[in-house]
Amino acid sequence: MPQNFWSPDESKQELDPLESLLSEWSDPEVEEEEFRSDFFQGFEGRRSKAALALTMIWATTIALHLVSWGFWLVVSFTGLLAVHTLRIYLAPALQNPKPLADPDLANAPTVSLLVSAKNEEAVIGQLIENLCTLDYPVEKYEVWAIDDASSDRTPQILDDLAPQYPQLRVLHRPSGAGGGKSGALNQALPMTQSDILAVFDADAKVSPDLLRRVIPFFDNENMGAVQVRKAVANEGENFWTKGQHAEMALDSFLQQQRVAIGGIGELRGNGQFVRRKALESCGCWNEETITDDLDLTIRLHLDRWDVGFCLSPWVNEEGVTQAVSLWHQRSRWAEGGYQRYLDYWRLLIGNRLGFTKTVDLTIFVVMQYLLPTAAIPDLVMAVSRHHFPLLSPMSGFMFTMSSMGMGLGLYQIRKEKGEITGIKDIFAILGQTLRGMVYMTHWFLVMPITTGRMSIRPKRLKWVKTSHQGSQEESLEAS
């Protein structure tokens, strides 16, 4: 899928399978030279589209300052945001389906658990042992450990573990195989036979009943994927890990509520479950994106599949402990999230998602990506014209609702764990929320800087290390 392009008519053919719209970029008859040419043209196209988007954001913000009715337009749009946000916050949360009981296991679907690992000797053994001892029939699930040309002891550890667990399969990729994590997953996919596939990072840790509690989500035939709530294993280590804990609580709350109103559920990589039929129908994992989970999210919804969310059990992962590492990670997330809108905008504006999902997606694009970027020209114009920033109503509303969502998410998580025992716990949640909102201000730097970088710098994909306590995480990143 070297370049994402569809003719104007195709974006309106809502019944066409998404795979057919992407098939031209997976044609085995395309010569390698032509493929590589299209690949780099795709990245140049993203840069041009990012530059155009940035120009439009700045021009629109400046124009609003120059017209007398600009402020009232902002207030009116903030009102629309409020209506949709209140609908999200007030919706009754969906309950997890009933876990599989012992008699249900005979007819339970098969599951393939995939782990792509590169130089993960510090954590890979613990994860494999964790996944190979789940409370699920051994003949009903398999674990695929994909060694992506590691140069440490990862291959040896996996080979030593293979004889101990009958459901463990080890795949060694040669150096230069390409495609990063997505390439590793796509290489293993044809070797699996299961109805459901799950993806885990090497530092993950899950509870034994995970499969019993997640698989019932797929009783809904339209459920294409399910994201398990992520939790920070080293939450209490420092300010950054505590902030990530609060951030994940906000994300957890919003995920549940958006799914409850029929909005966009999103995949978060670690702990994602995908129906094979849904995955194959929308083109499998994209090897030309820096965030395979966010890209797959959009393609699943475009192909009219739903994405669910599982609050409990959760998957533990190691939080980033240093500011520099956090900056690189969040920049990658921001770029990958933005990139998918640049890639699939023709289908998105064609209402292929349906009205509810289109509105929900639009609201969150504005709040997550456009508003932080527009804050810079808004501040420049406010200083030059000696008045308050024009976008203050939207910014204030976003801050207020994010604070409420974070507090509700933290309360929900503590309640799920049975940790709400008195008023002191409520005050503790308020303190966590305040600290979390201070931490979240980094997004107002990450978003505009990432948007600007996407507009002017050519990109190439490569593996980049992100340091973790006790492990080395590999992530597909742009430079």
Protein backbone atom coordinates (compact mmCIF):
# COMPACT_ATOMS: atom_id res chain seq x y z
CA MET A 1 0.00 0.00 0.00
CA PRO A 2 2.66 2.53 -1.05
CA GLN A 3 0.26 5.39 -1.71
CA ASN A 4 -3.30 6.05 -0.66
CA PHE A 5 -5.39 7.36 -3.55
CA TRP A 6 -8.92 6.83 -4.66
CA SER A 7 -10.89 8.41 -7.48
CA PRO A 8 -13.69 10.83 -6.43
CA ASP A 9 -16.38 8.32 -7.29
CA GLU A 10 -14.89 5.55 -5.19
CA SER A 11 -15.21 7.49 -1.95
CA LYS A 12 -18.98 7.52 -2.41
CA GLN A 13 -19.41 3.80 -3.07
CA GLU A 14 -20.14 2.90 0.53
CA LEU A 15 -20.86 -0.75 -0.17
CA ASP A 16 -17.50 -1.43 -1.84
CA PRO A 17 -15.14 -3.49 0.33
CA LEU A 18 -12.29 -1.36 1.60
CA GLU A 19 -9.83 -4.05 0.50
CA SER A 20 -10.83 -3.44 -3.12
CA LEU A 21 -10.00 0.25 -2.75
CA LEU A 22 -6.55 -0.61 -1.41
CA SER A 23 -5.83 -3.57 -3.68
CA GLU A 24 -3.98 -1.58 -6.32
CA TRP A 25 -1.18 -1.05 -3.81
CA SER A 26 -0.76 -4.74 -3.02
CA ASP A 27 -0.59 -6.01 -6.59
CA PRO A 28 2.13 -8.69 -6.71
CA GLU A 29 2.78 -7.85 -10.37
CA VAL A 30 3.93 -4.31 -9.57
CA GLU A 31 7.68 -4.13 -10.18
CA GLU A 32 9.93 -3.30 -7.23
CA GLU A 33 11.24 -0.07 -8.80
CA GLU A 34 7.71 1.18 -9.44
CA PHE A 35 6.73 0.14 -5.92
CA ARG A 36 9.61 2.09 -4.38
CA SER A 37 8.76 5.13 -6.51
CA ASP A 38 5.15 5.07 -5.36
CA PHE A 39 6.34 4.56 -1.77
CA PHE A 40 8.34 7.78 -1.70
CA GLN A 41 5.69 9.67 -3.62
CA GLY A 42 3.25 8.63 -0.89
CA PHE A 43 5.42 10.24 1.75
CA GLU A 44 5.86 13.36 -0.36
CA GLY A 45 2.08 13.46 -0.72
CA ARG A 46 1.69 13.34 3.02
CA ARG A 47 4.11 16.23 3.40
CA SER A 48 2.21 18.34 0.87
CA LYS A 49 -1.11 17.58 2.51
CA ALA A 50 0.32 18.37 5.95
CA ALA A 51 1.64 21.70 4.64
CA LEU A 52 -1.74 22.51 3.15
CA ALA A 53 -3.52 21.61 6.40
CA LEU A 54 -1.12 23.76 8.43
CA THR A 55 -1.61 26.69 6.05
CA MET A 56 -5.39 26.38 6.29
CA ILE A 57 -5.26 26.24 10.11
CA TRP A 58 -3.16 29.41 10.31
CA ALA A 59 -5.18 31.23 7.62
CA THR A 60 -8.51 30.36 9.21
CA THR A 61 -7.37 31.40 12.69
CA ILE A 62 -6.01 34.72 11.42
CA ALA A 63 -9.16 35.34 9.38
CA LEU A 64 -11.35 34.81 12.46
CA HIS A 65 -9.41 37.59 14.19
CA LEU A 66 -9.97 39.95 11.28
CA VAL A 67 -13.76 39.66 11.01
CA SER A 68 -16.17 41.14 13.55
CA TRP A 69 -18.19 37.95 13.90
CA GLY A 70 -15.19 35.63 14.39
CA PHE A 71 -15.62 35.38 18.15
CA TRP A 72 -19.29 34.45 17.87
CA LEU A 73 -18.48 31.78 15.32
CA VAL A 74 -16.03 30.27 17.83
CA VAL A 75 -18.66 30.45 20.58
CA SER A 76 -21.24 28.79 18.34
CA PHE A 77 -18.87 25.96 17.44
CA THR A 78 -18.00 25.55 21.11
CA GLY A 79 -21.72 25.09 21.74
CA LEU A 80 -21.83 22.27 19.19
CA LEU A 81 -18.82 20.69 20.87
CA ALA A 82 -20.61 20.95 24.21
CA VAL A 83 -23.72 19.18 22.90
CA HIS A 84 -21.71 16.25 21.54
CA THR A 85 -19.44 16.06 24.58
CA LEU A 86 -22.36 16.06 27.01
CA ARG A 87 -23.94 13.28 25.00
CA ILE A 88 -20.71 11.28 25.40
CA TYR A 89 -20.35 11.97 29.12
CA LEU A 90 -23.98 11.25 29.99
CA ALA A 91 -24.34 8.04 27.99
CA PRO A 92 -24.71 4.87 30.09
CA ALA A 93 -21.46 2.94 29.76
CA LEU A 94 -21.71 -0.43 28.03
CA GLN A 95 -21.10 -3.43 30.26
CA ASN A 96 -18.59 -6.14 29.43
CA PRO A 97 -20.24 -9.35 28.18
CA LYS A 98 -20.39 -12.34 30.48
CA PRO A 99 -17.04 -14.22 30.67
CA LEU A 100 -16.78 -17.68 29.15
CA ALA A 101 -17.65 -20.41 31.63
CA ASP A 102 -16.06 -23.87 31.51
CA PRO A 103 -18.91 -25.43 29.45
CA ASP A 104 -18.55 -22.60 26.88
CA LEU A 105 -14.92 -23.39 26.13
CA ALA A 106 -15.74 -26.39 23.94
CA ASN A 107 -17.27 -24.07 21.34
CA ALA A 108 -14.97 -21.11 21.94
CA PRO A 109 -13.11 -19.69 18.93
CA THR A 110 -9.40 -20.22 18.39
CA VAL A 111 -7.05 -17.33 19.18
CA SER A 112 -3.55 -16.43 17.97
CA LEU A 113 -1.49 -14.17 20.23
CA LEU A 114 1.23 -12.28 18.34
CA VAL A 115 4.31 -10.66 19.83
CA SER A 116 6.86 -8.85 17.67
CA ALA A 117 10.15 -8.50 19.57
CA LYS A 118 13.48 -6.91 18.70
CA ASN A 119 16.23 -6.93 21.34
CA GLU A 120 13.82 -7.61 24.21
CA GLU A 121 15.91 -10.06 26.26
CA ALA A 122 15.00 -8.31 29.54
CA VAL A 123 11.25 -8.93 29.26
CA ILE A 124 10.41 -11.40 26.49
CA GLY A 125 10.78 -14.54 28.63
CA GLN A 126 8.37 -13.27 31.27
CA LEU A 127 5.78 -12.30 28.66
CA ILE A 128 5.91 -15.65 26.85
CA GLU A 129 5.50 -17.56 30.10
CA ASN A 130 2.58 -15.27 30.96
CA LEU A 131 0.82 -15.80 27.62
CA CYS A 132 1.46 -19.56 27.55
CA THR A 133 -0.23 -20.11 30.93
CA LEU A 134 -3.57 -18.40 30.33
CA ASP A 135 -6.80 -19.98 31.56
CA TYR A 136 -7.90 -21.15 28.11
CA PRO A 137 -7.69 -24.57 26.45
CA VAL A 138 -4.19 -25.12 25.09
CA GLU A 139 -5.57 -26.53 21.85
CA LYS A 140 -7.67 -23.38 21.39
CA TYR A 141 -4.88 -20.81 21.27
CA GLU A 142 -1.33 -20.34 20.03
CA VAL A 143 1.39 -17.83 20.82
CA TRP A 144 3.50 -16.50 17.96
CA ALA A 145 6.77 -14.89 19.08
CA ILE A 146 8.33 -13.05 16.14
CA ASP A 147 12.01 -12.31 16.60
CA ASP A 148 12.71 -9.37 14.30
CA ALA A 149 16.44 -9.90 13.69
CA SER A 150 17.43 -9.28 17.31
CA SER A 151 21.11 -8.89 18.10
CA ASP A 152 20.82 -9.75 21.81
CA ARG A 153 19.72 -12.98 23.55
CA THR A 154 16.07 -12.69 22.44
CA PRO A 155 16.34 -15.48 19.80
CA GLN A 156 18.01 -17.85 22.23
CA ILE A 157 15.45 -17.20 24.98
CA LEU A 158 12.58 -17.90 22.57
CA ASP A 159 14.17 -21.07 21.24
CA ASP A 160 14.76 -22.33 24.79
CA LEU A 161 11.11 -21.70 25.71
CA ALA A 162 9.61 -23.32 22.60
CA PRO A 163 9.98 -26.97 23.80
CA GLN A 164 8.33 -26.09 27.12
CA TYR A 165 5.02 -24.86 25.67
CA PRO A 166 3.16 -26.77 22.94
CA GLN A 167 1.24 -23.66 21.86
CA LEU A 168 4.38 -21.53 21.34
CA ARG A 169 5.54 -20.87 17.78
CA VAL A 170 8.78 -18.95 17.12
CA LEU A 171 9.45 -17.10 13.89
CA HIS A 172 12.89 -15.59 13.20
CA ARG A 173 12.97 -12.77 10.66
CA PRO A 174 16.22 -12.11 8.80
CA SER A 175 17.99 -8.79 8.97
CA GLY A 176 16.54 -6.30 6.51
CA ALA A 177 13.15 -8.01 6.28
CA GLY A 178 11.51 -4.59 6.44
CA GLY A 179 8.10 -3.31 7.45
CA GLY A 180 8.90 -2.95 11.16
CA LYS A 181 6.26 -4.25 13.54
CA SER A 182 3.59 -4.32 10.82
CA GLY A 183 5.89 -6.31 8.56
CA ALA A 184 6.54 -8.82 11.32
CA LEU A 185 2.84 -9.24 12.03
CA ASN A 186 1.96 -9.57 8.34
CA GLN A 187 4.64 -12.23 7.86
CA ALA A 188 3.24 -14.32 10.69
CA LEU A 189 -0.41 -13.82 9.72
CA PRO A 190 -0.60 -16.47 6.92
CA MET A 191 0.91 -19.04 9.29
CA THR A 192 -1.87 -18.61 11.83
CA GLN A 193 -5.24 -20.32 11.55
CA SER A 194 -7.24 -18.67 14.33
CA ASP A 195 -10.48 -16.75 14.11
CA ILE A 196 -9.24 -14.02 16.46
CA LEU A 197 -5.78 -12.45 16.60
CA ALA A 198 -4.29 -10.44 19.46
CA VAL A 199 -1.18 -8.23 19.53
CA PHE A 200 1.00 -7.56 22.56
CA ASP A 201 4.15 -5.55 23.21
CA ALA A 202 7.11 -7.31 24.76
CA ASP A 203 6.69 -5.56 28.13
CA ALA A 204 3.02 -6.56 28.50
CA LYS A 205 1.56 -8.52 31.39
CA VAL A 206 -2.00 -9.84 31.49
CA SER A 207 -4.26 -11.72 33.87
CA PRO A 208 -4.92 -15.47 33.36
CA ASP A 209 -8.62 -14.92 32.56
CA LEU A 210 -7.95 -12.41 29.76
CA LEU A 211 -9.20 -14.58 26.89
CA ARG A 212 -12.28 -15.78 28.77
CA ARG A 213 -13.33 -12.15 29.27
CA VAL A 214 -12.40 -10.61 25.93
CA ILE A 215 -13.49 -13.29 23.44
CA PRO A 216 -17.24 -12.90 24.26
CA PHE A 217 -17.11 -9.38 22.74
CA PHE A 218 -16.85 -11.09 19.36
CA ASP A 219 -20.27 -12.72 19.76
CA ASN A 220 -21.38 -9.48 18.12
CA GLU A 221 -20.87 -10.28 14.44
CA ASN A 222 -20.08 -6.65 13.61
CA MET A 223 -17.32 -6.43 16.23
CA GLY A 224 -14.14 -6.13 14.20
CA ALA A 225 -11.72 -5.49 17.06
CA VAL A 226 -11.50 -4.93 20.81
CA GLN A 227 -8.98 -2.87 22.73
CA VAL A 228 -8.12 -3.94 26.27
CA ARG A 229 -7.53 -1.07 28.70
CA LYS A 230 -3.85 -0.28 29.15
CA ALA A 231 -2.39 0.35 32.62
CA VAL A 232 1.01 1.71 33.65
CA ALA A 233 2.90 -0.96 35.58
CA ASN A 234 5.41 1.52 37.06
CA GLU A 235 2.77 4.17 37.78
CA GLY A 236 4.31 5.48 41.00
CA GLU A 237 7.88 5.91 39.76
CA ASN A 238 7.90 9.65 38.98
CA PHE A 239 5.89 12.58 37.64
CA TRP A 240 5.94 11.26 34.07
CA THR A 241 4.61 7.78 34.88
CA LYS A 242 1.95 9.24 37.19
CA GLY A 243 0.92 11.54 34.37
CA GLN A 244 0.67 8.63 31.94
CA HIS A 245 -1.53 6.78 34.42
CA ALA A 246 -3.92 9.73 34.54
CA GLU A 247 -3.77 10.11 30.76
CA MET A 248 -4.71 6.45 30.26
CA ALA A 249 -7.59 6.90 32.70
CA LEU A 250 -8.93 9.76 30.56
CA ASP A 251 -8.50 7.69 27.42
CA SER A 252 -10.25 4.74 29.05
CA PHE A 253 -13.26 6.85 30.03
CA LEU A 254 -13.57 8.48 26.61
CA GLN A 255 -13.17 5.16 24.81
CA GLN A 256 -16.03 3.58 26.74
CA GLN A 257 -18.33 6.55 26.32
CA ARG A 258 -17.63 7.05 22.62
CA VAL A 259 -18.35 3.37 21.97
CA ALA A 260 -21.54 3.68 24.03
CA ILE A 261 -22.99 6.34 21.69
CA GLY A 262 -21.92 4.50 18.53
CA GLY A 263 -18.82 6.64 18.02
CA ILE A 264 -15.21 5.75 17.26
CA GLY A 265 -13.51 3.10 19.37
CA GLU A 266 -9.73 3.12 18.89
CA LEU A 267 -6.96 0.55 19.03
CA ARG A 268 -3.92 1.26 21.19
CA GLY A 269 -1.47 -1.39 19.96
CA ASN A 270 -0.68 -3.36 23.09
CA GLY A 271 -3.63 -5.58 24.01
CA GLN A 272 -5.58 -5.25 20.77
CA PHE A 273 -7.77 -8.13 19.56
CA VAL A 274 -8.83 -8.28 15.90
CA ARG A 275 -11.22 -10.56 14.03
CA ARG A 276 -9.33 -12.22 11.17
CA LYS A 277 -12.13 -11.58 8.70
CA ALA A 278 -12.15 -7.87 9.56
CA LEU A 279 -8.37 -7.58 9.40
CA GLU A 280 -8.11 -9.22 6.00
CA SER A 281 -11.06 -7.30 4.58
CA CYS A 282 -9.34 -3.95 5.17
CA GLY A 283 -5.86 -4.85 4.00
CA CYS A 284 -4.07 -6.25 7.12
CA TRP A 285 -1.45 -4.16 8.93
CA ASN A 286 -0.10 -1.14 7.08
CA GLU A 287 3.68 -1.33 6.70
CA GLU A 288 3.92 2.33 5.67
CA THR A 289 2.63 4.01 8.78
CA ILE A 290 4.43 4.82 12.03
CA THR A 291 1.39 3.88 14.16
CA ASP A 292 -0.08 0.64 12.86
CA ASP A 293 -2.80 0.58 15.55
CA LEU A 294 -4.22 4.04 14.77
CA ASP A 295 -4.08 3.36 11.04
CA LEU A 296 -5.90 0.04 11.45
CA THR A 297 -8.52 1.76 13.59
CA ILE A 298 -9.57 4.04 10.76
CA ARG A 299 -9.55 1.29 8.13
CA LEU A 300 -11.72 -0.97 10.29
CA HIS A 301 -14.29 1.78 10.77
CA LEU A 302 -14.16 2.69 7.08
CA ASP A 303 -14.93 -0.96 6.34
CA ARG A 304 -17.98 -0.66 8.64
CA TRP A 305 -16.63 -2.72 11.54
CA ASP A 306 -17.03 -1.69 15.17
CA VAL A 307 -14.16 -1.43 17.66
CA GLY A 308 -15.04 -2.28 21.27
CA PHE A 309 -13.33 -1.52 24.55
CA CYS A 310 -12.68 -3.82 27.54
CA LEU A 311 -12.28 -2.03 30.88
CA SER A 312 -11.35 -5.14 32.86
CA PRO A 313 -9.11 -7.05 32.80
CA TRP A 314 -6.37 -4.76 31.62
CA VAL A 315 -2.90 -5.13 30.14
CA ASN A 316 0.04 -3.73 32.11
CA GLU A 317 2.89 -2.04 30.31
CA GLU A 318 5.91 -0.04 31.31
CA GLY A 319 5.48 3.73 31.24
CA VAL A 320 8.14 6.06 29.84
CA THR A 321 10.24 7.45 32.69
CA GLN A 322 12.14 10.32 31.05
CA ALA A 323 10.94 13.55 29.45
CA VAL A 324 13.03 13.08 26.29
CA SER A 325 11.72 9.56 25.72
CA LEU A 326 8.17 10.75 26.36
CA TRP A 327 8.62 13.53 23.81
CA HIS A 328 9.78 11.11 21.10
CA GLN A 329 6.99 8.66 21.85
CA ARG A 330 4.24 11.29 21.86
CA SER A 331 5.60 12.89 18.70
CA ARG A 332 5.34 9.52 16.99
CA TRP A 333 1.79 9.06 18.23
CA ALA A 334 0.83 12.56 17.11
CA GLU A 335 2.33 12.10 13.66
CA GLY A 336 0.78 8.68 13.16
CA GLY A 337 -2.61 9.90 14.31
CA TYR A 338 -2.45 12.90 12.00
CA GLN A 339 -1.07 10.82 9.14
CA ARG A 340 -4.12 8.58 8.94
CA TYR A 341 -6.40 11.56 8.29
CA LEU A 342 -4.11 12.75 5.51
CA ASP A 343 -4.10 9.25 3.99
CA TYR A 344 -7.82 8.48 4.14
CA TRP A 345 -9.45 11.90 3.91
CA ARG A 346 -11.24 11.11 0.64
CA LEU A 347 -13.14 8.23 2.23
CA LEU A 348 -13.69 10.10 5.49
CA ILE A 349 -15.36 13.13 3.91
CA GLY A 350 -17.51 10.78 1.81
CA ASN A 351 -19.41 9.79 4.99
CA ARG A 352 -18.37 6.17 4.58
CA LEU A 353 -18.28 5.99 8.40
CA GLY A 354 -21.93 6.94 8.79
CA PHE A 355 -23.29 10.10 10.43
CA THR A 356 -22.62 9.33 14.10
CA LYS A 357 -19.06 8.15 13.64
CA THR A 358 -18.28 10.99 11.23
CA VAL A 359 -19.46 13.62 13.72
CA ASP A 360 -17.60 11.93 16.58
CA LEU A 361 -14.39 11.72 14.56
CA THR A 362 -14.67 15.36 13.44
CA ILE A 363 -15.09 16.60 17.00
CA PHE A 364 -12.02 14.75 18.23
CA VAL A 365 -9.89 15.80 15.23
CA VAL A 366 -10.69 19.41 16.07
CA MET A 367 -10.01 19.04 19.78
CA GLN A 368 -6.94 16.78 19.58
CA TYR A 369 -5.14 18.01 16.48
CA LEU A 370 -6.46 21.29 15.11
CA LEU A 371 -7.00 23.31 18.30
CA PRO A 372 -3.46 22.84 19.73
CA THR A 373 -1.99 23.79 16.34
CA ALA A 374 -4.28 26.82 16.00
CA ALA A 375 -3.27 28.03 19.47
CA ILE A 376 -0.02 29.49 18.11
CA PRO A 377 -1.49 31.84 15.45
CA ASP A 378 -4.31 32.62 17.89
CA LEU A 379 -1.79 33.76 20.51
CA VAL A 380 0.21 35.75 17.94
CA MET A 381 -2.88 37.61 16.77
CA ALA A 382 -4.09 38.17 20.32
CA VAL A 383 -0.80 39.79 21.33
CA SER A 384 -0.59 41.91 18.20
CA ARG A 385 -4.20 43.13 18.53
CA HIS A 386 -4.13 43.45 22.35
CA HIS A 387 -7.06 41.19 23.24
CA PHE A 388 -7.69 37.73 24.62
CA PRO A 389 -7.10 34.71 22.40
CA LEU A 390 -10.12 34.17 20.19
CA LEU A 391 -10.11 30.40 20.75
CA SER A 392 -10.30 30.76 24.55
CA PRO A 393 -13.89 29.41 24.72
CA MET A 394 -12.86 26.19 22.96
CA SER A 395 -9.63 25.82 24.94
CA GLY A 396 -11.41 26.45 28.23
CA PHE A 397 -14.13 23.97 27.36
CA MET A 398 -11.60 21.31 26.36
CA PHE A 399 -9.64 21.79 29.60
CA THR A 400 -12.81 21.57 31.72
CA MET A 401 -14.20 18.48 30.04
CA SER A 402 -10.80 16.74 29.96
CA SER A 403 -10.44 17.35 33.69
CA MET A 404 -13.86 15.87 34.33
CA GLY A 405 -13.17 12.87 32.11
CA MET A 406 -9.82 12.23 33.76
CA GLY A 407 -11.35 12.39 37.23
CA LEU A 408 -14.18 10.07 36.25
CA GLY A 409 -11.74 7.67 34.62
CA LEU A 410 -9.51 7.58 37.70
CA TYR A 411 -12.55 7.03 39.92
CA GLN A 412 -13.77 4.20 37.69
CA ILE A 413 -10.40 2.44 37.77
CA ARG A 414 -10.10 2.73 41.54
CA LYS A 415 -13.66 1.51 41.96
CA GLU A 416 -12.96 -1.47 39.68
CA LYS A 417 -10.03 -2.38 41.94
CA GLY A 418 -12.04 -1.82 45.12
CA GLU A 419 -9.86 1.10 46.20
CA ILE A 420 -12.64 3.62 46.99
CA THR A 421 -13.08 3.42 50.77
CA GLY A 422 -13.73 6.98 51.88
CA ILE A 423 -13.54 10.71 51.25
CA LYS A 424 -9.72 10.64 51.35
CA ASP A 425 -9.74 8.58 48.17
CA ILE A 426 -11.87 11.21 46.44
CA PHE A 427 -9.36 13.91 47.40
CA ALA A 428 -6.56 11.65 46.16
CA ILE A 429 -8.32 11.41 42.79
CA LEU A 430 -8.66 15.21 42.66
CA GLY A 431 -4.93 15.51 43.28
CA GLN A 432 -4.17 12.94 40.58
CA THR A 433 -6.41 14.83 38.17
CA LEU A 434 -4.72 18.17 38.81
CA ARG A 435 -1.27 16.65 38.32
CA GLY A 436 -2.50 14.81 35.22
CA MET A 437 -3.82 17.98 33.61
CA VAL A 438 -0.50 19.74 34.21
CA TYR A 439 1.20 16.77 32.57
CA MET A 440 -1.23 16.88 29.61
CA THR A 441 -0.13 20.41 28.64
CA HIS A 442 2.78 18.83 26.77
CA TRP A 443 0.33 18.05 23.97
CA PHE A 444 0.03 21.79 23.22
CA LEU A 445 3.71 21.67 22.25
CA VAL A 446 3.79 18.21 20.66
CA MET A 447 0.91 18.81 18.25
CA PRO A 448 1.97 22.08 16.56
CA ILE A 449 5.65 21.09 16.42
CA THR A 450 4.83 17.71 14.93
CA THR A 451 2.44 19.28 12.43
CA GLY A 452 5.07 21.77 11.38
CA ARG A 453 7.74 19.09 11.05
CA MET A 454 5.46 16.94 8.90
CA SER A 455 4.97 19.91 6.57
CA ILE A 456 8.62 20.60 5.82
CA ARG A 457 10.70 17.47 6.45
CA PRO A 458 10.87 14.39 4.23
CA LYS A 459 10.26 11.18 6.14
CA ARG A 460 11.68 7.69 6.11
CA LEU A 461 10.78 4.70 8.24
CA LYS A 462 13.31 3.10 10.53
CA TRP A 463 13.59 1.28 13.83
CA VAL A 464 14.34 3.64 16.75
CA LYS A 465 15.04 2.62 20.34
CA THR A 466 13.02 4.03 23.21
CA SER A 467 14.60 3.34 26.60
CA HIS A 468 12.53 1.62 29.29
CA GLN A 469 13.39 0.48 32.78
CA GLY A 470 14.69 -3.05 32.43
CA SER A 471 13.99 -3.30 28.70
CA GLN A 472 14.60 -1.85 25.30
CA GLU A 473 11.48 -1.13 23.27
CA GLU A 474 11.66 -0.98 19.52
CA SER A 475 9.17 1.19 17.67
CA LEU A 476 8.66 2.11 14.04
CA GLU A 477 9.36 5.79 13.93
CA ALA A 478 9.89 8.57 11.45
CA SER A 479 13.01 10.69 11.22
